[in-house]
Each structure stands twice: as structure tokens, then as C-alpha cells.
Amino acid sequence: MRHRILSKLRMPDGSINPWVIAVTVTLATFMEVLDTSIANVALPHIAGGLSAGSDESTWVLTSYLVSNAIVLPLSGWFSSLIGRKRFYMSCVAVFTVSSFLCGLAPSLGMLVFFRILQGAGGGGLQPSEQAILNDTFSYEKRGMAFAVYGLAVVVAPTIGPWLGGWITDSFSWRWIFYINVPVGIISLILTNLLVSDPPHMKRASLKSGFRIDYIGIGLISLGLGSMQIILDKGQRDDWLSSNFIRIFFGLMLVGIISAIIWELREKEPVVDLRMLKDRNFAIATLAMFFLGFVLYSSTVLIPQLLQQLLGYTAESAGKALSPGGAVIMCMMPVVGLLVSRVDTRILITFGCIVSASALFVMAGWDLGLDYGHAVRTRMLQSFGLAFLFIPINVAAFAYVPREKTNMGTGIINLARNIGASVGIATVTTMLQRRSQVHEAQLMDRVNDYGSAYRGMLGGLQTKLVVAGSSLSHATSQAQTMIYNTVQRQAAMMAFIDNFKMLGVVFFAVIPILLMMKKPRARAGSVPVH
């Protein structure tokens, strides 16, 4: 049976069709990226189903992100230790089994524990897939191959909130975890049949005297784990005014600073920070940080605006992002072809300008926003984002030696994930703080001496009295309605401030990106990871 299946998937030269391998390794990665956002809308249902408070239930998200962030930079080292195929399949197996256990979890504590395992398994999938694609495809086709991977990484977060809302409303929150199981099983079977380690990976995994950098692993885990907890819990606990946050802030500084010093001095580091000496790789890593910052921040802002201020359901708000995902799906193959013909710096600059322009259009929204306009603006932003992901990765590895690509994929994926966490924490904090500022400014104008206020109050009082309310009750109702209007307007202005900030970030990063060197070979001929 195995030989019969393989014979149908082989190319005329006897090799496995590389596109079959690309789809195979993308399956599990898509589900892993989806899991970073799909559980968000289900939190109230999880809290209710497990008799937990809303604050406690957020650990379902935090625990996953913490373990995921720790494993990401270590994935290249693990691949060299046990072999990339074995490491990838181990990650898929851990992710699949823990997903099933998450669905069965009888208590919040057990669910958090299984989410830690799930995040650890998921952390190694993205870097491993990128390295597998690099070794599977010829130089000329790697841009297109990476477009397949880009679809998983960019589209999954956009459909996560909508899919999570639909599954939770139609079935149960447990099914947001169960859906990973069949995909994981299929991925394991196909990976075992189709994927193999290249010779240089096999030699690396069999090196004699391989020493485990326990101190480096411990320091990186301490620093990145503490950082993720701070970013996820900071706004809720009012940042450094909380003893809890201050403790983890201290641990983060100790862990990250000590890890940098240790890894730079270590002969066989678990994370090779010396790779950042390469200008292209360092700038591309920074660019990937900002791409994660803006992509995930806007993915949070748009549904939140539609739900909180315009009254849309979670499912409808999530659907506003779906056409943007469709744009990226259509444009990724086009960009994959363009990287072999156009300077990557030109493509990146074009993508930043388009995305920033779309964000400034969003900054012109108001409370009269219609659904169609929101969808079209998101589609414009997604059009720009499609021109960033592939060219940034192409430029990143233009001068990186082949034997270091496994390490590099872990670093650059970590940069994107940290950017996402920092971005979400930033816009969440800005929303609350700027709402308070705008509300205070607007309330200064809402007083008995303002003609506009008196006119609006009188008009509402008259309508309410005509509707049957007493004069005193009508006055109280009118004042409440005016205050609610002020709150909605203040919140809208805070959303506008966030969109402006994200647009400025994209424009500001363009000069830095132009400092990258042009790839020494045609863009389609350089490694893509």
C-alpha cells in the first residue's frame, strides 16, 4: 500500500512531488497558527463551562503563548540534535495529543496544563516547515513554495476569531481543540511517508560529543516566558503598578540579558545570536517583528471596533476579516513569482506604503461606518501585507549559510510572534488610556453652559416625556444617553489613534528596510525560509 501511494506521488525522475510535501507540512502549521487566535472568542464559554473567573480563564491564552515562545528559538537546535523530520513529527504528535486532551479537560487547571503542552508542540512547527521547504524545492521555485507557507501564517489569524465564534456557537468550545486531531493524524501519516532529512541534517544529528546547553535553555525560557506573561497580563494588572508584573519584569531582564551574554560566549549556543551580525538577516528580523506587530494588532482592533461600537456579533465581526484573507490567498502566488524578477526592497517598500495607507484610511472611520467600507479597507491592507511576508524572508536568508538556516528560521519566527504580542499589548493599552483622555476632553464640553449640550438635553427630554416618562425620569435618562454617546465617541477616537500609530510604524520602518543589501543572486535563487 505504501509503495503504491508513493508511486502515484513521484515525479518522472523518481523524487516525491515537492508540492505534495509543501501541502503536507503546511497542514499542521495552519492549525497551530489558527490556535493562537481561535480560542479568544471562546474564553467566556470556557470560563462558564469550567466554573472559572474571566481573569483566570485568560491563562488559557497566556500558557499557550509562553510555551510557544520558549520553543520557537530552540527549534533549530532540537532539529540538529535529533533530526528535523523526527523533531517535526514529535511536535505534530505532541500538538495533536494535547489538543485532544484540551478538549477533554475537566478543570481550568488541567486545561492550562494541556495548553502548555500544546504550545510547546506547536512552537517547533513553523521553523521546521520553513527549513523543510527550503531543502525540498529548487532555488527557482522557493518563492512560490513559501507562498504556501505564507498563506498558513497570514490567513489563519484572520479567520481564527470567526471560526472560533462559529464553532463555539454551533457546537461547544471543546471542538475548537478537537478539530486539530484529524488534521494532526493526517499530517503525521503523510510526513512519515513523504518527508526525509537531507544528508547535511543527518550528519549534524549524528555529531559526536554533542553538548546540551542547559544554562542557555534555562535563561532563554526564563526571559521569554516572563516577557510573554508581562505582555499578556500587563494591561489587566496595570503594568508596573502591580507587584506581579514587577516580579516578572525583573525575571525577564535577568533572563534575557544573561541569555544574550551567555549565548554570545558559548561555542555551541542553543540560539546563535551571532547570525544577527549579518545586516540583511538583522534588518529582516526587525521587519518581521513590525509585520507581526501591525498584522495581529489590526486583526484585534477591527473586530473589537465592530462589536463594541457598532453592535456586530462575534461571527459577523470575524467575517469582516475573511475577504482580506482571500486577498492574501490570491496575491501570495503572484508575489512568489515577483520575487524572482523584482528587487525585494522595492516589493517590501510597496507593501509598507499600501498597508500604511489603508491604516490611515481606517483612521478616518467614524461611528457611521458601514460594513462594506470596513471590509474593503481591510482588503486594501491585506493587499499590502501580501507584498511583505515572502520578500522579507527572501532578503533575510540571502547571505545566510545553508547549515544555519534551521537556527535562523527559529529566530525570525520568534521575532514575528514577539511583535504580535507587543503589538496586541500596545493597542490594548492605548485603547483604554486614550479612551480615558478623550472622554475627559469631551466631558469638559458637556455642561450646563454649553448651548449644544442644552439643546441636545432638551430635545431628548421632550422625546422621552412624549414617550411616557416623567420629567425627572426623562432628565436622568437623557443625561445617561448623552454620557453613553460621549463614551462611544471617546472610544472611537481611541481606535483612530491606534490606526494612526500603526500607519506611522509602517512608514517609519521603510528607511530601515532600504538599508538591506540587494541579494547577490536573483531573488528566486536565494534560500527562502
Protein backbone atom coordinates (compact mmCIF):
# COMPACT_ATOMS: atom_id res chain seq x y z
CA MET A 1 0.00 0.00 0.00
CA ARG A 2 2.77 2.43 0.96
CA HIS A 3 4.69 1.78 -2.28
CA ARG A 4 1.50 2.17 -4.32
CA ILE A 5 0.78 5.59 -2.73
CA LEU A 6 4.35 6.76 -3.15
CA SER A 7 4.43 5.70 -6.80
CA LYS A 8 1.46 7.95 -7.55
CA LEU A 9 3.14 10.92 -5.85
CA ARG A 10 6.53 10.58 -7.52
CA MET A 11 7.85 12.82 -10.27
CA PRO A 12 9.20 11.33 -13.53
CA ASP A 13 12.73 11.43 -12.05
CA GLY A 14 11.58 9.30 -9.10
CA SER A 15 11.51 12.07 -6.47
CA ILE A 16 8.42 12.93 -4.42
CA ASN A 17 6.36 15.80 -5.85
CA PRO A 18 7.57 18.79 -3.80
CA TRP A 19 4.12 20.43 -3.80
CA VAL A 20 2.68 17.39 -2.03
CA ILE A 21 5.34 17.84 0.65
CA ALA A 22 4.53 21.56 0.87
CA VAL A 23 0.85 20.86 1.50
CA THR A 24 1.72 18.12 3.97
CA VAL A 25 3.88 20.29 6.23
CA THR A 26 1.53 23.26 5.90
CA LEU A 27 -1.46 21.35 7.33
CA ALA A 28 -0.21 21.20 10.91
CA THR A 29 1.32 24.69 10.75
CA PHE A 30 -2.02 26.17 9.69
CA MET A 31 -3.77 24.57 12.66
CA GLU A 32 -1.02 25.75 15.04
CA VAL A 33 -1.24 29.37 13.89
CA LEU A 34 -5.02 29.14 13.98
CA ASP A 35 -4.83 28.09 17.63
CA THR A 36 -3.16 31.38 18.61
CA SER A 37 -6.40 33.25 17.88
CA ILE A 38 -9.25 30.75 17.70
CA ALA A 39 -9.62 30.43 21.48
CA ASN A 40 -10.01 34.18 22.08
CA VAL A 41 -13.73 34.40 21.38
CA ALA A 42 -14.42 31.15 23.27
CA LEU A 43 -12.98 32.37 26.60
CA PRO A 44 -16.35 33.34 28.14
CA HIS A 45 -17.75 29.92 27.23
CA ILE A 46 -14.65 28.17 28.63
CA ALA A 47 -14.90 30.17 31.86
CA GLY A 48 -18.58 29.29 32.22
CA GLY A 49 -18.11 25.64 31.34
CA LEU A 50 -15.27 25.15 33.83
CA SER A 51 -16.68 27.43 36.58
CA ALA A 52 -13.74 29.85 36.35
CA GLY A 53 -13.49 33.63 36.54
CA SER A 54 -12.75 35.73 33.48
CA ASP A 55 -9.30 36.67 34.82
CA GLU A 56 -8.42 33.03 35.45
CA SER A 57 -9.61 31.93 32.01
CA THR A 58 -7.10 34.19 30.25
CA TRP A 59 -4.37 31.77 31.34
CA VAL A 60 -5.75 29.51 28.58
CA LEU A 61 -4.22 32.00 26.14
CA THR A 62 -1.17 33.01 28.16
CA SER A 63 0.02 29.47 28.87
CA TYR A 64 -0.04 28.59 25.16
CA LEU A 65 1.85 31.73 24.13
CA VAL A 66 4.51 31.30 26.83
CA SER A 67 5.45 27.73 25.94
CA ASN A 68 5.21 28.52 22.22
CA ALA A 69 7.62 31.47 22.59
CA ILE A 70 10.14 29.36 24.51
CA VAL A 71 10.27 26.52 21.98
CA LEU A 72 10.43 28.72 18.85
CA PRO A 73 14.06 29.84 19.14
CA LEU A 74 15.14 26.37 20.30
CA SER A 75 13.65 24.54 17.30
CA GLY A 76 16.78 24.78 15.14
CA TRP A 77 18.91 23.35 17.94
CA PHE A 78 16.48 20.47 18.55
CA SER A 79 16.44 19.70 14.82
CA SER A 80 20.23 19.40 14.74
CA LEU A 81 20.14 17.22 17.86
CA ILE A 82 17.57 14.58 16.88
CA GLY A 83 17.00 15.24 13.17
CA ARG A 84 14.50 17.61 11.61
CA LYS A 85 11.93 15.04 10.47
CA ARG A 86 11.91 13.36 13.88
CA PHE A 87 11.62 16.71 15.65
CA TYR A 88 8.83 17.88 13.34
CA MET A 89 6.84 14.68 13.77
CA SER A 90 7.35 14.84 17.55
CA CYS A 91 5.95 18.37 17.55
CA VAL A 92 2.93 17.32 15.47
CA ALA A 93 2.30 14.36 17.78
CA VAL A 94 2.55 16.47 20.96
CA PHE A 95 0.32 19.17 19.42
CA THR A 96 -2.30 16.62 18.32
CA VAL A 97 -2.46 14.64 21.57
CA SER A 98 -2.51 17.75 23.74
CA SER A 99 -5.27 19.25 21.57
CA PHE A 100 -7.40 16.19 22.24
CA LEU A 101 -6.63 16.42 25.97
CA CYS A 102 -7.55 20.13 25.96
CA GLY A 103 -10.98 19.16 24.65
CA LEU A 104 -11.38 16.60 27.44
CA ALA A 105 -10.06 18.87 30.23
CA PRO A 106 -12.34 18.62 33.30
CA SER A 107 -10.98 21.75 35.02
CA LEU A 108 -9.27 25.01 34.22
CA GLY A 109 -6.01 23.85 35.80
CA MET A 110 -5.86 20.77 33.58
CA LEU A 111 -6.79 22.82 30.51
CA VAL A 112 -3.94 25.28 31.20
CA PHE A 113 -1.50 22.38 31.66
CA PHE A 114 -2.55 20.79 28.36
CA ARG A 115 -2.33 24.17 26.63
CA ILE A 116 1.29 24.44 27.80
CA LEU A 117 1.98 21.10 26.12
CA GLN A 118 0.07 22.19 23.04
CA GLY A 119 2.09 25.41 22.77
CA ALA A 120 5.35 23.50 23.19
CA GLY A 121 4.40 21.13 20.38
CA GLY A 122 3.22 23.96 18.15
CA GLY A 123 6.34 26.06 18.69
CA GLY A 124 8.54 23.87 16.53
CA LEU A 125 6.18 23.53 13.55
CA GLN A 126 6.71 26.84 11.73
CA PRO A 127 10.53 26.89 11.72
CA SER A 128 10.67 23.20 10.78
CA GLU A 129 8.28 23.68 7.87
CA GLN A 130 10.30 26.59 6.53
CA ALA A 131 13.52 24.56 6.63
CA ILE A 132 11.81 21.54 5.01
CA LEU A 133 10.52 23.72 2.16
CA ASN A 134 14.00 25.16 1.68
CA ASP A 135 15.54 21.71 1.19
CA THR A 136 12.62 20.32 -0.85
CA PHE A 137 12.31 22.97 -3.56
CA SER A 138 14.81 24.14 -6.14
CA TYR A 139 16.03 27.70 -5.84
CA GLU A 140 13.78 28.89 -8.66
CA LYS A 141 10.59 27.60 -7.00
CA ARG A 142 11.18 28.54 -3.38
CA GLY A 143 9.34 31.84 -3.67
CA MET A 144 6.17 30.01 -4.74
CA ALA A 145 6.71 27.33 -2.09
CA PHE A 146 6.99 29.95 0.58
CA ALA A 147 3.72 31.47 -0.66
CA VAL A 148 2.01 28.28 0.52
CA TYR A 149 3.56 28.67 3.95
CA GLY A 150 2.68 32.38 3.98
CA LEU A 151 -0.98 31.52 3.45
CA ALA A 152 -0.98 29.50 6.66
CA VAL A 153 0.79 32.13 8.74
CA VAL A 154 -1.10 35.19 7.48
CA VAL A 155 -4.58 33.82 6.71
CA ALA A 156 -5.05 31.64 9.82
CA PRO A 157 -5.08 34.57 12.31
CA THR A 158 -7.68 36.39 10.22
CA ILE A 159 -10.19 33.54 10.16
CA GLY A 160 -9.45 32.34 13.71
CA PRO A 161 -11.88 34.67 15.55
CA TRP A 162 -14.70 33.97 13.10
CA LEU A 163 -14.15 30.20 13.07
CA GLY A 164 -13.83 30.10 16.87
CA GLY A 165 -17.09 32.03 17.26
CA TRP A 166 -18.94 29.80 14.79
CA ILE A 167 -17.71 26.54 16.37
CA THR A 168 -18.47 27.75 19.89
CA ASP A 169 -21.97 28.97 18.98
CA SER A 170 -22.84 25.94 16.85
CA PHE A 171 -21.27 23.14 18.89
CA SER A 172 -19.10 23.54 22.00
CA TRP A 173 -15.86 25.28 22.94
CA ARG A 174 -14.26 21.84 23.21
CA TRP A 175 -14.49 21.42 19.44
CA ILE A 176 -12.03 24.27 18.82
CA PHE A 177 -9.45 21.77 20.12
CA TYR A 178 -10.91 18.56 18.70
CA ILE A 179 -10.68 19.85 15.10
CA ASN A 180 -6.88 19.66 15.38
CA VAL A 181 -6.90 15.90 15.93
CA PRO A 182 -7.79 14.58 12.44
CA VAL A 183 -5.55 17.17 10.79
CA GLY A 184 -2.67 16.17 13.06
CA ILE A 185 -3.12 12.46 12.33
CA ILE A 186 -3.18 13.07 8.56
CA SER A 187 -0.08 15.27 8.86
CA LEU A 188 1.80 12.57 10.80
CA ILE A 189 0.98 9.86 8.28
CA LEU A 190 1.91 11.96 5.24
CA THR A 191 5.07 13.34 6.86
CA ASN A 192 6.25 9.83 7.69
CA LEU A 193 5.64 8.74 4.09
CA LEU A 194 6.93 11.74 2.18
CA VAL A 195 9.45 13.78 4.16
CA SER A 196 13.08 12.88 4.78
CA ASP A 197 16.09 14.69 6.21
CA PRO A 198 18.74 15.96 3.78
CA PRO A 199 22.25 14.46 4.15
CA HIS A 200 23.68 17.52 5.89
CA MET A 201 20.94 17.32 8.57
CA LYS A 202 21.65 13.64 9.19
CA ARG A 203 25.33 14.32 9.66
CA ALA A 204 24.59 17.15 12.07
CA SER A 205 22.32 14.98 14.18
CA LEU A 206 24.97 12.29 14.49
CA LYS A 207 27.80 14.55 15.59
CA SER A 208 29.78 13.03 18.39
CA GLY A 209 30.21 14.83 21.67
CA PHE A 210 27.12 16.98 21.22
CA ARG A 211 26.80 19.03 24.42
CA ILE A 212 23.44 20.24 25.71
CA ASP A 213 23.43 23.91 26.67
CA TYR A 214 21.27 23.59 29.78
CA ILE A 215 22.11 27.08 31.06
CA GLY A 216 21.22 28.70 27.73
CA ILE A 217 17.91 26.84 27.56
CA GLY A 218 17.08 27.83 31.13
CA LEU A 219 17.91 31.52 30.67
CA ILE A 220 16.01 31.77 27.38
CA SER A 221 12.99 30.04 28.92
CA LEU A 222 13.06 32.38 31.91
CA GLY A 223 13.41 35.54 29.82
CA LEU A 224 10.92 34.77 27.05
CA GLY A 225 8.39 33.14 29.38
CA SER A 226 8.42 36.15 31.71
CA MET A 227 8.15 38.55 28.75
CA GLN A 228 5.11 36.75 27.38
CA ILE A 229 3.38 36.79 30.78
CA ILE A 230 4.04 40.54 31.10
CA LEU A 231 2.69 41.30 27.63
CA ASP A 232 -0.40 39.19 28.13
CA LYS A 233 -1.24 40.28 31.68
CA GLY A 234 0.26 43.78 31.81
CA GLN A 235 -2.77 45.83 30.80
CA ARG A 236 -5.13 43.85 33.01
CA ASP A 237 -2.84 44.34 36.05
CA ASP A 238 -1.92 47.98 35.22
CA TRP A 239 1.66 47.17 34.24
CA LEU A 240 4.43 48.14 36.71
CA SER A 241 1.97 49.29 39.38
CA SER A 242 1.39 45.57 40.01
CA ASN A 243 3.80 43.58 42.17
CA PHE A 244 3.05 40.53 39.99
CA ILE A 245 4.21 42.35 36.85
CA ARG A 246 7.24 43.90 38.58
CA ILE A 247 8.46 40.46 39.66
CA PHE A 248 8.19 39.06 36.14
CA PHE A 249 9.74 42.22 34.69
CA GLY A 250 12.81 41.62 36.86
CA LEU A 251 12.92 37.96 35.85
CA MET A 252 12.62 38.96 32.19
CA LEU A 253 15.57 41.36 32.41
CA VAL A 254 17.73 38.81 34.22
CA GLY A 255 16.81 36.02 31.79
CA ILE A 256 17.19 37.95 28.52
CA ILE A 257 20.35 39.89 29.39
CA SER A 258 22.03 36.82 30.87
CA ALA A 259 20.97 34.69 27.88
CA ILE A 260 22.44 37.19 25.39
CA ILE A 261 25.76 37.32 27.24
CA TRP A 262 25.88 33.54 27.70
CA GLU A 263 24.91 32.63 24.13
CA LEU A 264 27.41 35.06 22.59
CA ARG A 265 30.21 33.44 24.62
CA GLU A 266 29.07 29.83 24.09
CA LYS A 267 30.84 27.77 21.40
CA GLU A 268 27.73 25.70 20.64
CA PRO A 269 24.85 28.05 21.58
CA VAL A 270 21.29 26.83 21.65
CA VAL A 271 20.38 30.08 19.82
CA ASP A 272 23.12 31.52 17.61
CA LEU A 273 22.74 35.28 18.12
CA ARG A 274 25.85 35.85 16.03
CA MET A 275 23.61 35.45 12.98
CA LEU A 276 22.36 38.98 13.67
CA LYS A 277 25.76 40.29 12.56
CA ASP A 278 24.52 39.69 9.02
CA ARG A 279 22.91 43.01 8.06
CA ASN A 280 20.18 41.57 5.88
CA PHE A 281 19.18 38.97 8.44
CA ALA A 282 19.16 41.50 11.30
CA ILE A 283 17.06 44.07 9.39
CA ALA A 284 14.68 41.39 8.10
CA THR A 285 14.24 40.07 11.64
CA LEU A 286 13.34 43.60 12.75
CA ALA A 287 10.96 43.92 9.80
CA MET A 288 9.28 40.63 10.74
CA PHE A 289 8.82 41.98 14.28
CA PHE A 290 6.94 45.01 12.92
CA LEU A 291 4.96 42.87 10.47
CA GLY A 292 3.71 40.77 13.40
CA PHE A 293 3.10 43.98 15.37
CA VAL A 294 0.82 45.53 12.74
CA LEU A 295 -0.83 42.36 11.38
CA TYR A 296 -2.00 40.98 14.72
CA SER A 297 -2.83 44.40 16.20
CA SER A 298 -5.15 45.30 13.34
CA THR A 299 -6.65 41.80 13.47
CA VAL A 300 -7.62 42.53 17.09
CA LEU A 301 -8.75 46.13 16.55
CA ILE A 302 -11.18 45.75 13.65
CA PRO A 303 -13.48 43.04 15.13
CA GLN A 304 -13.35 44.78 18.52
CA LEU A 305 -14.46 48.07 16.98
CA LEU A 306 -17.32 46.43 15.07
CA GLN A 307 -18.53 44.56 18.15
CA GLN A 308 -18.15 47.21 20.86
CA LEU A 309 -19.21 50.32 18.97
CA LEU A 310 -21.37 49.13 16.08
CA GLY A 311 -23.11 46.16 17.70
CA TYR A 312 -21.97 43.34 15.41
CA THR A 313 -21.90 39.75 16.63
CA ALA A 314 -18.56 38.00 17.08
CA GLU A 315 -19.19 35.91 13.97
CA SER A 316 -20.12 38.91 11.81
CA ALA A 317 -17.14 40.91 13.07
CA GLY A 318 -14.85 37.99 12.32
CA LYS A 319 -16.26 37.75 8.81
CA ALA A 320 -15.09 41.31 8.16
CA LEU A 321 -11.53 39.93 8.14
CA SER A 322 -12.24 36.98 5.84
CA PRO A 323 -12.19 38.87 2.49
CA GLY A 324 -8.79 40.24 3.49
CA GLY A 325 -7.60 36.67 3.92
CA ALA A 326 -8.93 35.87 0.46
CA VAL A 327 -6.91 38.76 -0.99
CA ILE A 328 -3.75 37.41 0.62
CA MET A 329 -4.52 33.91 -0.73
CA CYS A 330 -4.79 35.32 -4.25
CA MET A 331 -1.76 37.59 -4.02
CA MET A 332 0.74 35.25 -2.34
CA PRO A 333 1.39 33.18 -5.51
CA VAL A 334 1.75 36.41 -7.51
CA VAL A 335 4.32 37.76 -5.06
CA GLY A 336 6.05 34.39 -5.09
CA LEU A 337 6.62 34.88 -8.82
CA LEU A 338 7.59 38.56 -8.49
CA VAL A 339 10.43 37.91 -6.03
CA SER A 340 12.38 36.23 -8.86
CA ARG A 341 12.01 39.30 -11.08
CA VAL A 342 11.83 42.40 -8.84
CA ASP A 343 14.22 43.69 -6.17
CA THR A 344 12.85 42.56 -2.82
CA ARG A 345 13.42 46.04 -1.37
CA ILE A 346 11.02 47.51 -3.94
CA LEU A 347 8.35 44.92 -3.12
CA ILE A 348 8.72 45.49 0.64
CA THR A 349 8.52 49.28 0.24
CA PHE A 350 5.40 48.96 -1.93
CA GLY A 351 3.76 46.66 0.62
CA CYS A 352 4.53 49.02 3.51
CA ILE A 353 3.14 52.04 1.64
CA VAL A 354 -0.11 50.27 0.69
CA SER A 355 -0.65 48.83 4.17
CA ALA A 356 0.13 52.15 5.87
CA SER A 357 -2.24 53.96 3.50
CA ALA A 358 -5.02 51.52 4.38
CA LEU A 359 -4.40 52.13 8.10
CA PHE A 360 -4.68 55.89 7.58
CA VAL A 361 -7.98 55.28 5.76
CA MET A 362 -9.11 53.38 8.87
CA ALA A 363 -8.08 56.41 10.91
CA GLY A 364 -10.81 58.30 9.03
CA TRP A 365 -13.59 55.96 10.21
CA ASP A 366 -16.42 57.21 12.42
CA LEU A 367 -19.48 55.80 14.20
CA GLY A 368 -21.38 55.89 10.91
CA LEU A 369 -19.06 53.28 9.40
CA ASP A 370 -20.81 50.74 7.17
CA TYR A 371 -19.77 47.10 6.99
CA GLY A 372 -18.79 47.20 3.33
CA HIS A 373 -16.34 50.06 3.82
CA ALA A 374 -14.70 48.23 6.73
CA VAL A 375 -14.30 45.09 4.61
CA ARG A 376 -12.87 46.97 1.60
CA THR A 377 -10.33 48.83 3.72
CA ARG A 378 -9.19 45.59 5.33
CA MET A 379 -8.82 44.10 1.83
CA LEU A 380 -6.60 47.03 0.84
CA GLN A 381 -4.43 46.49 3.91
CA SER A 382 -4.21 42.76 3.17
CA PHE A 383 -3.14 43.54 -0.39
CA GLY A 384 -0.15 45.42 1.02
CA LEU A 385 0.65 42.75 3.60
CA ALA A 386 0.89 40.14 0.84
CA PHE A 387 3.92 42.02 -0.55
CA LEU A 388 5.82 41.83 2.73
CA PHE A 389 5.98 38.27 4.01
CA ILE A 390 7.79 36.49 1.17
CA PRO A 391 10.25 39.30 0.19
CA ILE A 392 11.29 39.84 3.81
CA ASN A 393 12.16 36.17 4.20
CA VAL A 394 13.94 36.08 0.85
CA ALA A 395 16.09 39.05 1.85
CA ALA A 396 16.69 37.62 5.33
CA PHE A 397 18.46 34.48 4.12
CA ALA A 398 20.23 35.89 1.08
CA TYR A 399 23.61 35.71 2.81
CA VAL A 400 22.97 33.07 5.49
CA PRO A 401 24.95 29.79 5.13
CA ARG A 402 22.77 26.78 4.42
CA GLU A 403 23.78 24.98 7.61
CA LYS A 404 22.45 27.88 9.71
CA THR A 405 19.00 28.14 8.14
CA ASN A 406 17.37 25.95 10.80
CA MET A 407 18.62 28.29 13.50
CA GLY A 408 17.61 31.36 11.50
CA THR A 409 14.03 30.22 10.96
CA GLY A 410 13.53 29.91 14.72
CA ILE A 411 14.87 33.42 15.35
CA ILE A 412 12.82 35.12 12.65
CA ASN A 413 9.61 33.33 13.67
CA LEU A 414 10.24 34.34 17.27
CA ALA A 415 10.58 37.96 16.14
CA ARG A 416 7.19 37.83 14.44
CA ASN A 417 5.49 36.23 17.45
CA ILE A 418 7.02 38.71 19.91
CA GLY A 419 5.98 41.52 17.57
CA ALA A 420 2.43 40.17 17.65
CA SER A 421 2.39 40.04 21.46
CA VAL A 422 3.92 43.50 21.82
CA GLY A 423 1.50 44.90 19.24
CA ILE A 424 -1.59 43.46 20.90
CA ALA A 425 -0.43 44.67 24.33
CA THR A 426 0.29 48.14 22.89
CA VAL A 427 -3.05 48.68 21.17
CA THR A 428 -4.99 47.23 24.10
CA THR A 429 -3.28 49.64 26.49
CA MET A 430 -3.66 52.57 24.10
CA LEU A 431 -7.37 51.86 23.68
CA GLN A 432 -8.02 52.16 27.39
CA ARG A 433 -5.69 55.10 28.07
CA ARG A 434 -6.69 57.15 25.02
CA SER A 435 -10.38 56.48 25.66
CA GLN A 436 -9.96 57.99 29.13
CA VAL A 437 -8.13 61.02 27.72
CA HIS A 438 -10.73 61.67 25.01
CA GLU A 439 -13.61 61.12 27.41
CA ALA A 440 -12.18 63.70 29.83
CA GLN A 441 -11.73 66.21 26.98
CA LEU A 442 -15.26 65.66 25.68
CA MET A 443 -16.82 65.86 29.12
CA ASP A 444 -15.29 69.32 29.56
CA ARG A 445 -17.71 70.48 26.90
CA VAL A 446 -20.70 68.68 28.37
CA ASN A 447 -22.00 71.18 30.93
CA ASP A 448 -24.97 73.39 31.52
CA TYR A 449 -23.18 76.35 29.95
CA GLY A 450 -22.83 74.72 26.56
CA SER A 451 -25.59 75.56 24.08
CA ALA A 452 -25.10 72.28 22.19
CA TYR A 453 -25.45 70.28 25.40
CA ARG A 454 -28.56 72.18 26.50
CA GLY A 455 -30.14 71.77 23.08
CA MET A 456 -29.45 68.02 22.95
CA LEU A 457 -30.61 67.51 26.55
CA GLY A 458 -33.84 69.45 25.90
CA GLY A 459 -34.57 67.53 22.73
CA LEU A 460 -34.07 64.15 24.41
CA GLN A 461 -36.18 65.20 27.40
CA THR A 462 -39.06 66.18 25.13
CA LYS A 463 -38.96 62.88 23.25
CA LEU A 464 -38.86 60.85 26.45
CA VAL A 465 -41.71 62.80 28.05
CA VAL A 466 -43.81 62.30 24.91
CA ALA A 467 -42.98 58.59 25.15
CA GLY A 468 -44.47 58.50 28.67
CA SER A 469 -41.62 59.27 31.08
CA SER A 470 -41.95 61.78 33.90
CA LEU A 471 -39.92 64.98 33.61
CA SER A 472 -37.42 63.97 36.34
CA HIS A 473 -37.01 60.47 34.94
CA ALA A 474 -36.69 61.85 31.40
CA THR A 475 -33.92 64.19 32.56
CA SER A 476 -31.99 61.30 34.13
CA GLN A 477 -32.47 59.14 31.04
CA ALA A 478 -31.36 61.95 28.72
CA GLN A 479 -28.21 62.59 30.73
CA THR A 480 -27.36 58.88 30.65
CA MET A 481 -27.90 58.76 26.88
CA ILE A 482 -25.62 61.75 26.37
CA TYR A 483 -22.92 60.20 28.57
CA ASN A 484 -23.14 56.92 26.61
CA THR A 485 -22.73 58.90 23.39
CA VAL A 486 -19.64 60.60 24.81
CA GLN A 487 -18.19 57.22 25.80
CA ARG A 488 -18.76 55.76 22.34
CA GLN A 489 -17.23 58.80 20.69
CA ALA A 490 -14.21 58.69 23.01
CA ALA A 491 -13.72 55.00 22.26
CA MET A 492 -13.97 55.69 18.51
CA MET A 493 -11.31 58.39 18.80
CA ALA A 494 -9.08 55.92 20.67
CA PHE A 495 -9.44 53.39 17.83
CA ILE A 496 -8.50 56.17 15.38
CA ASP A 497 -5.37 56.94 17.43
CA ASN A 498 -4.36 53.28 17.21
CA PHE A 499 -4.82 53.08 13.46
CA LYS A 500 -2.74 56.25 13.02
CA MET A 501 0.00 54.80 15.21
CA LEU A 502 0.12 51.56 13.20
CA GLY A 503 0.27 53.52 9.94
CA VAL A 504 3.16 55.63 11.24
CA VAL A 505 5.01 52.45 12.30
CA PHE A 506 4.88 51.06 8.77
CA PHE A 507 6.02 54.33 7.19
CA ALA A 508 8.82 54.73 9.74
CA VAL A 509 10.24 51.26 9.07
CA ILE A 510 10.67 51.85 5.30
CA PRO A 511 14.04 53.71 5.56
CA ILE A 512 15.41 50.91 7.75
CA LEU A 513 14.34 48.25 5.26
CA LEU A 514 16.03 50.09 2.40
CA MET A 515 19.35 49.59 4.23
CA MET A 516 19.28 45.90 3.30
CA LYS A 517 21.69 44.75 0.63
CA LYS A 518 20.32 43.52 -2.67
CA PRO A 519 20.53 39.69 -2.81
CA ARG A 520 23.71 38.60 -4.53
CA ALA A 521 21.67 36.31 -6.75
CA ARG A 522 18.27 36.71 -8.33
CA ALA A 523 15.61 36.77 -5.59
CA GLY A 524 14.18 33.49 -6.79
CA SER A 525 17.58 31.89 -6.47
CA VAL A 526 18.23 32.57 -2.82
CA PRO A 527 17.12 30.38 0.05
CA VAL A 528 13.66 31.12 1.38
CA HIS A 529 12.80 30.04 4.91
